[in-house]
Amino acid sequence: MTTAPAIELRTFTTLDAVRGDLLDVYAEVRAPLLHLPNYAITAFGERLDRHGAEPGFIAVLAYADGQPIGYAYANRIEHGDRYWQRTTPPPADEYTQQPAVALKEIGVRPAWRGTGSARRIHDALLRTREEPYVTLMVNPAAGDGKVHALYRSWGYEDIGQSQPSPASPVLRVMIRAIR
């Protein structure tokens, strides 16, 4: 990994101010997959709008020279949330009996990969949270398994799988303590 050039991290708790930047970065990050229904920009925009209206929404974007280069966004999930209901096997009560942070998306423009920017964005987002756990879903095939391995190196553990929509691949559900 090379050293990350200077980036500015900005935190947002409403979607309106940052929606355009999120869509722009997403389009470049997911460019090879945009032809698939689940990854289409319109599908992402619909998910983004839904997630942005859910409790505890937060987005952290990284900027270099005033341009967005990466993002992560999340929201709070509670016991009984459909996120947990779609996870098989059912997660342990330890994870679901109290609110948790669901990291919904994280992405860095290709030119910024390998610089540590994704980890800086991730950690900045979690520094603001009071929940004890953070969970995410990852396509185990992404990057020929490298993305899943990266999350493991960040302390995440597999706890199950989920298929959030019929157009979605089956994803691994991962979790780790925030502190």
C-alpha atoms as a PDB file:
ATOM      1  CA  MET A   1       0.000   0.000   0.000  1.00  0.00           C
ATOM      2  CA  THR A   2       1.245   3.459  -0.839  1.00  0.00           C
ATOM      3  CA  THR A   3       0.810   6.424   1.458  1.00  0.00           C
ATOM      4  CA  ALA A   4      -2.467   8.243   0.940  1.00  0.00           C
ATOM      5  CA  PRO A   5      -2.097  11.734  -0.450  1.00  0.00           C
ATOM      6  CA  ALA A   6      -3.824  14.469   1.497  1.00  0.00           C
ATOM      7  CA  ILE A   7      -7.556  13.968   1.566  1.00  0.00           C
ATOM      8  CA  GLU A   8     -10.267  15.861   3.377  1.00  0.00           C
ATOM      9  CA  LEU A   9     -12.914  13.778   5.133  1.00  0.00           C
ATOM     10  CA  ARG A  10     -16.391  15.306   5.365  1.00  0.00           C
ATOM     11  CA  THR A  11     -19.268  13.876   7.382  1.00  0.00           C
ATOM     12  CA  PHE A  12     -22.922  14.288   6.413  1.00  0.00           C
ATOM     13  CA  THR A  13     -26.039  13.293   8.338  1.00  0.00           C
ATOM     14  CA  THR A  14     -28.505  14.133   5.572  1.00  0.00           C
ATOM     15  CA  LEU A  15     -28.474  12.877   2.016  1.00  0.00           C
ATOM     16  CA  ASP A  16     -29.488  16.049   0.150  1.00  0.00           C
ATOM     17  CA  ALA A  17     -26.115  17.807   0.363  1.00  0.00           C
ATOM     18  CA  VAL A  18     -24.111  14.814  -0.841  1.00  0.00           C
ATOM     19  CA  ARG A  19     -26.344  12.692  -3.090  1.00  0.00           C
ATOM     20  CA  GLY A  20     -24.773  13.900  -6.349  1.00  0.00           C
ATOM     21  CA  ASP A  21     -21.229  13.209  -5.146  1.00  0.00           C
ATOM     22  CA  LEU A  22     -22.225   9.725  -3.974  1.00  0.00           C
ATOM     23  CA  LEU A  23     -23.765   8.907  -7.353  1.00  0.00           C
ATOM     24  CA  ASP A  24     -20.721  10.230  -9.238  1.00  0.00           C
ATOM     25  CA  VAL A  25     -18.225   8.185  -7.232  1.00  0.00           C
ATOM     26  CA  TYR A  26     -20.462   5.096  -7.291  1.00  0.00           C
ATOM     27  CA  ALA A  27     -20.677   5.249 -11.099  1.00  0.00           C
ATOM     28  CA  GLU A  28     -16.898   5.086 -11.404  1.00  0.00           C
ATOM     29  CA  VAL A  29     -16.362   2.556  -8.598  1.00  0.00           C
ATOM     30  CA  ARG A  30     -18.951   0.130  -9.990  1.00  0.00           C
ATOM     31  CA  ALA A  31     -18.419   0.886 -13.711  1.00  0.00           C
ATOM     32  CA  PRO A  32     -17.690  -2.743 -14.680  1.00  0.00           C
ATOM     33  CA  LEU A  33     -20.950  -3.888 -13.033  1.00  0.00           C
ATOM     34  CA  LEU A  34     -23.384  -1.143 -14.053  1.00  0.00           C
ATOM     35  CA  HIS A  35     -24.954  -3.343 -16.735  1.00  0.00           C
ATOM     36  CA  LEU A  36     -26.258  -5.704 -14.023  1.00  0.00           C
ATOM     37  CA  PRO A  37     -29.700  -4.775 -12.627  1.00  0.00           C
ATOM     38  CA  ASN A  38     -28.605  -4.750  -8.968  1.00  0.00           C
ATOM     39  CA  TYR A  39     -25.657  -2.443  -9.704  1.00  0.00           C
ATOM     40  CA  ALA A  40     -27.367  -0.049 -12.129  1.00  0.00           C
ATOM     41  CA  ILE A  41     -27.143   3.596 -11.113  1.00  0.00           C
ATOM     42  CA  THR A  42     -30.942   3.815 -10.875  1.00  0.00           C
ATOM     43  CA  ALA A  43     -31.046   0.815  -8.502  1.00  0.00           C
ATOM     44  CA  PHE A  44     -28.270   2.333  -6.392  1.00  0.00           C
ATOM     45  CA  GLY A  45     -30.087   5.687  -6.339  1.00  0.00           C
ATOM     46  CA  GLU A  46     -33.263   4.003  -5.084  1.00  0.00           C
ATOM     47  CA  ARG A  47     -31.342   2.179  -2.341  1.00  0.00           C
ATOM     48  CA  LEU A  48     -29.486   5.354  -1.444  1.00  0.00           C
ATOM     49  CA  ASP A  49     -32.728   7.323  -1.089  1.00  0.00           C
ATOM     50  CA  ARG A  50     -34.246   4.592   1.093  1.00  0.00           C
ATOM     51  CA  HIS A  51     -31.128   4.322   3.281  1.00  0.00           C
ATOM     52  CA  GLY A  52     -30.795   8.102   3.530  1.00  0.00           C
ATOM     53  CA  ALA A  53     -34.287   8.289   5.049  1.00  0.00           C
ATOM     54  CA  GLU A  54     -33.604   5.566   7.633  1.00  0.00           C
ATOM     55  CA  PRO A  55     -32.590   6.289  11.245  1.00  0.00           C
ATOM     56  CA  GLY A  56     -28.998   7.110  12.025  1.00  0.00           C
ATOM     57  CA  PHE A  57     -27.949   7.847   8.437  1.00  0.00           C
ATOM     58  CA  ILE A  58     -24.371   9.024   8.052  1.00  0.00           C
ATOM     59  CA  ALA A  59     -22.084   9.405   5.065  1.00  0.00           C
ATOM     60  CA  VAL A  60     -18.362  10.142   5.062  1.00  0.00           C
ATOM     61  CA  LEU A  61     -16.829  11.305   1.811  1.00  0.00           C
ATOM     62  CA  ALA A  62     -13.185  11.859   1.033  1.00  0.00           C
ATOM     63  CA  TYR A  63     -12.203  14.775  -1.177  1.00  0.00           C
ATOM     64  CA  ALA A  64      -8.925  15.567  -2.908  1.00  0.00           C
ATOM     65  CA  ASP A  65      -8.528  18.935  -4.587  1.00  0.00           C
ATOM     66  CA  GLY A  66     -12.249  19.538  -4.005  1.00  0.00           C
ATOM     67  CA  GLN A  67     -13.317  16.397  -5.885  1.00  0.00           C
ATOM     68  CA  PRO A  68     -14.924  13.353  -4.213  1.00  0.00           C
ATOM     69  CA  ILE A  69     -12.665  10.303  -4.367  1.00  0.00           C
ATOM     70  CA  GLY A  70     -14.408   7.863  -2.032  1.00  0.00           C
ATOM     71  CA  TYR A  71     -17.298   7.326   0.327  1.00  0.00           C
ATOM     72  CA  ALA A  72     -18.931   5.156   2.926  1.00  0.00           C
ATOM     73  CA  TYR A  73     -22.435   5.417   4.260  1.00  0.00           C
ATOM     74  CA  ALA A  74     -24.364   3.624   6.952  1.00  0.00           C
ATOM     75  CA  ASN A  75     -27.409   3.747   9.163  1.00  0.00           C
ATOM     76  CA  ARG A  76     -28.603   2.252  12.425  1.00  0.00           C
ATOM     77  CA  ILE A  77     -30.469  -1.055  12.471  1.00  0.00           C
ATOM     78  CA  GLU A  78     -32.533  -2.341  15.362  1.00  0.00           C
ATOM     79  CA  HIS A  79     -33.646  -5.756  16.607  1.00  0.00           C
ATOM     80  CA  GLY A  80     -36.147  -7.158  14.093  1.00  0.00           C
ATOM     81  CA  ASP A  81     -34.825  -5.049  11.198  1.00  0.00           C
ATOM     82  CA  ARG A  82     -35.228  -6.707   7.792  1.00  0.00           C
ATOM     83  CA  TYR A  83     -31.425  -6.655   7.532  1.00  0.00           C
ATOM     84  CA  TRP A  84     -31.311  -9.234  10.339  1.00  0.00           C
ATOM     85  CA  GLN A  85     -34.431 -11.072   9.140  1.00  0.00           C
ATOM     86  CA  ARG A  86     -32.780 -11.822   5.763  1.00  0.00           C
ATOM     87  CA  THR A  87     -29.561 -13.102   7.362  1.00  0.00           C
ATOM     88  CA  THR A  88     -29.171 -16.879   7.556  1.00  0.00           C
ATOM     89  CA  PRO A  89     -28.488 -18.461   9.867  1.00  0.00           C
ATOM     90  CA  PRO A  90     -30.124 -15.980  12.257  1.00  0.00           C
ATOM     91  CA  PRO A  91     -27.399 -13.908  13.939  1.00  0.00           C
ATOM     92  CA  ALA A  92     -26.627 -14.375  17.620  1.00  0.00           C
ATOM     93  CA  ASP A  93     -28.688 -12.290  20.045  1.00  0.00           C
ATOM     94  CA  GLU A  94     -25.445 -10.615  21.105  1.00  0.00           C
ATOM     95  CA  TYR A  95     -25.490  -8.734  17.769  1.00  0.00           C
ATOM     96  CA  THR A  96     -29.223  -8.089  17.356  1.00  0.00           C
ATOM     97  CA  GLN A  97     -30.544  -7.249  20.824  1.00  0.00           C
ATOM     98  CA  GLN A  98     -29.202  -3.706  20.636  1.00  0.00           C
ATOM     99  CA  PRO A  99     -28.834  -1.234  17.783  1.00  0.00           C
ATOM    100  CA  ALA A 100     -25.963  -1.851  15.366  1.00  0.00           C
ATOM    101  CA  VAL A 101     -24.469   0.127  12.489  1.00  0.00           C
ATOM    102  CA  ALA A 102     -25.085  -1.297   9.027  1.00  0.00           C
ATOM    103  CA  LEU A 103     -22.344  -0.163   6.653  1.00  0.00           C
ATOM    104  CA  LYS A 104     -24.336  -0.119   3.429  1.00  0.00           C
ATOM    105  CA  GLU A 105     -21.714   0.981   0.896  1.00  0.00           C
ATOM    106  CA  ILE A 106     -18.054   1.838   0.721  1.00  0.00           C
ATOM    107  CA  GLY A 107     -16.138   2.670  -2.412  1.00  0.00           C
ATOM    108  CA  VAL A 108     -13.011   4.442  -3.607  1.00  0.00           C
ATOM    109  CA  ARG A 109     -12.281   5.572  -7.153  1.00  0.00           C
ATOM    110  CA  PRO A 110      -9.841   3.168  -8.859  1.00  0.00           C
ATOM    111  CA  ALA A 111      -7.009   5.728  -8.926  1.00  0.00           C
ATOM    112  CA  TRP A 112      -7.201   5.940  -5.113  1.00  0.00           C
ATOM    113  CA  ARG A 113      -7.273   2.226  -4.337  1.00  0.00           C
ATOM    114  CA  GLY A 114      -4.325   0.892  -2.391  1.00  0.00           C
ATOM    115  CA  THR A 115      -3.669   4.249  -0.723  1.00  0.00           C
ATOM    116  CA  GLY A 116      -5.377   3.518   2.606  1.00  0.00           C
ATOM    117  CA  SER A 117      -8.195   5.944   1.758  1.00  0.00           C
ATOM    118  CA  ALA A 118     -10.958   3.340   2.143  1.00  0.00           C
ATOM    119  CA  ARG A 119      -9.780   2.475   5.651  1.00  0.00           C
ATOM    120  CA  ARG A 120      -9.554   6.148   6.616  1.00  0.00           C
ATOM    121  CA  ILE A 121     -13.128   6.734   5.392  1.00  0.00           C
ATOM    122  CA  HIS A 122     -14.355   3.598   7.197  1.00  0.00           C
ATOM    123  CA  ASP A 123     -12.673   4.531  10.475  1.00  0.00           C
ATOM    124  CA  ALA A 124     -13.918   8.135  10.321  1.00  0.00           C
ATOM    125  CA  LEU A 125     -17.482   6.883   9.933  1.00  0.00           C
ATOM    126  CA  LEU A 126     -17.191   4.518  12.893  1.00  0.00           C
ATOM    127  CA  ARG A 127     -15.606   7.145  15.172  1.00  0.00           C
ATOM    128  CA  THR A 128     -18.948   8.953  15.267  1.00  0.00           C
ATOM    129  CA  ARG A 129     -21.006   5.933  16.317  1.00  0.00           C
ATOM    130  CA  GLU A 130     -22.144   4.779  19.755  1.00  0.00           C
ATOM    131  CA  GLU A 131     -23.447   1.344  18.734  1.00  0.00           C
ATOM    132  CA  PRO A 132     -21.320  -1.618  19.860  1.00  0.00           C
ATOM    133  CA  TYR A 133     -21.209  -3.444  16.494  1.00  0.00           C
ATOM    134  CA  VAL A 134     -20.903  -2.683  12.804  1.00  0.00           C
ATOM    135  CA  THR A 135     -22.107  -5.097  10.147  1.00  0.00           C
ATOM    136  CA  LEU A 136     -21.766  -5.178   6.380  1.00  0.00           C
ATOM    137  CA  MET A 137     -22.532  -7.424   3.439  1.00  0.00           C
ATOM    138  CA  VAL A 138     -19.931  -8.300   0.827  1.00  0.00           C
ATOM    139  CA  ASN A 139     -20.005 -10.224  -2.407  1.00  0.00           C
ATOM    140  CA  PRO A 140     -17.426 -12.957  -1.753  1.00  0.00           C
ATOM    141  CA  ALA A 141     -16.501 -12.910  -5.466  1.00  0.00           C
ATOM    142  CA  ALA A 142     -15.704  -9.161  -5.493  1.00  0.00           C
ATOM    143  CA  GLY A 143     -12.135  -8.585  -6.569  1.00  0.00           C
ATOM    144  CA  ASP A 144     -11.624 -12.351  -6.786  1.00  0.00           C
ATOM    145  CA  GLY A 145     -12.127 -12.535  -3.003  1.00  0.00           C
ATOM    146  CA  LYS A 146      -9.805  -9.631  -2.186  1.00  0.00           C
ATOM    147  CA  VAL A 147     -12.586  -7.401  -0.842  1.00  0.00           C
ATOM    148  CA  HIS A 148     -13.794 -10.093   1.554  1.00  0.00           C
ATOM    149  CA  ALA A 149     -10.189 -10.664   2.687  1.00  0.00           C
ATOM    150  CA  LEU A 150      -9.725  -6.912   3.184  1.00  0.00           C
ATOM    151  CA  TYR A 151     -12.735  -6.752   5.521  1.00  0.00           C
ATOM    152  CA  ARG A 152     -11.373  -9.732   7.443  1.00  0.00           C
ATOM    153  CA  SER A 153      -8.079  -7.843   7.852  1.00  0.00           C
ATOM    154  CA  TRP A 154     -10.112  -4.960   9.322  1.00  0.00           C
ATOM    155  CA  GLY A 155     -11.485  -7.295  12.006  1.00  0.00           C
ATOM    156  CA  TYR A 156     -14.794  -8.381  10.447  1.00  0.00           C
ATOM    157  CA  GLU A 157     -15.984 -11.986  10.843  1.00  0.00           C
ATOM    158  CA  ASP A 158     -18.500 -13.923   8.750  1.00  0.00           C
ATOM    159  CA  ILE A 159     -21.775 -14.594  10.555  1.00  0.00           C
ATOM    160  CA  GLY A 160     -24.061 -15.654   7.719  1.00  0.00           C
ATOM    161  CA  GLN A 161     -25.350 -14.817   4.287  1.00  0.00           C
ATOM    162  CA  SER A 162     -28.118 -12.742   2.762  1.00  0.00           C
ATOM    163  CA  GLN A 163     -29.705 -12.030  -0.591  1.00  0.00           C
ATOM    164  CA  PRO A 164     -31.190  -8.550  -0.128  1.00  0.00           C
ATOM    165  CA  SER A 165     -33.147  -8.670  -3.407  1.00  0.00           C
ATOM    166  CA  PRO A 166     -33.808 -11.166  -6.196  1.00  0.00           C
ATOM    167  CA  ALA A 167     -31.361  -9.227  -8.418  1.00  0.00           C
ATOM    168  CA  SER A 168     -28.624  -9.287  -5.780  1.00  0.00           C
ATOM    169  CA  PRO A 169     -25.984 -11.964  -5.525  1.00  0.00           C
ATOM    170  CA  VAL A 170     -25.839 -13.947  -2.289  1.00  0.00           C
ATOM    171  CA  LEU A 171     -23.702 -11.858   0.044  1.00  0.00           C
ATOM    172  CA  ARG A 172     -21.655 -12.696   3.114  1.00  0.00           C
ATOM    173  CA  VAL A 173     -22.814 -10.927   6.257  1.00  0.00           C
ATOM    174  CA  MET A 174     -19.877  -9.811   8.405  1.00  0.00           C
ATOM    175  CA  ILE A 175     -19.649  -8.107  11.796  1.00  0.00           C
ATOM    176  CA  ARG A 176     -17.095  -6.638  14.195  1.00  0.00           C
ATOM    177  CA  ALA A 177     -17.054  -4.632  17.378  1.00  0.00           C
ATOM    178  CA  ILE A 178     -16.731  -0.901  16.783  1.00  0.00           C
ATOM    179  CA  ARG A 179     -14.352  -0.303  19.693  1.00  0.00           C
END
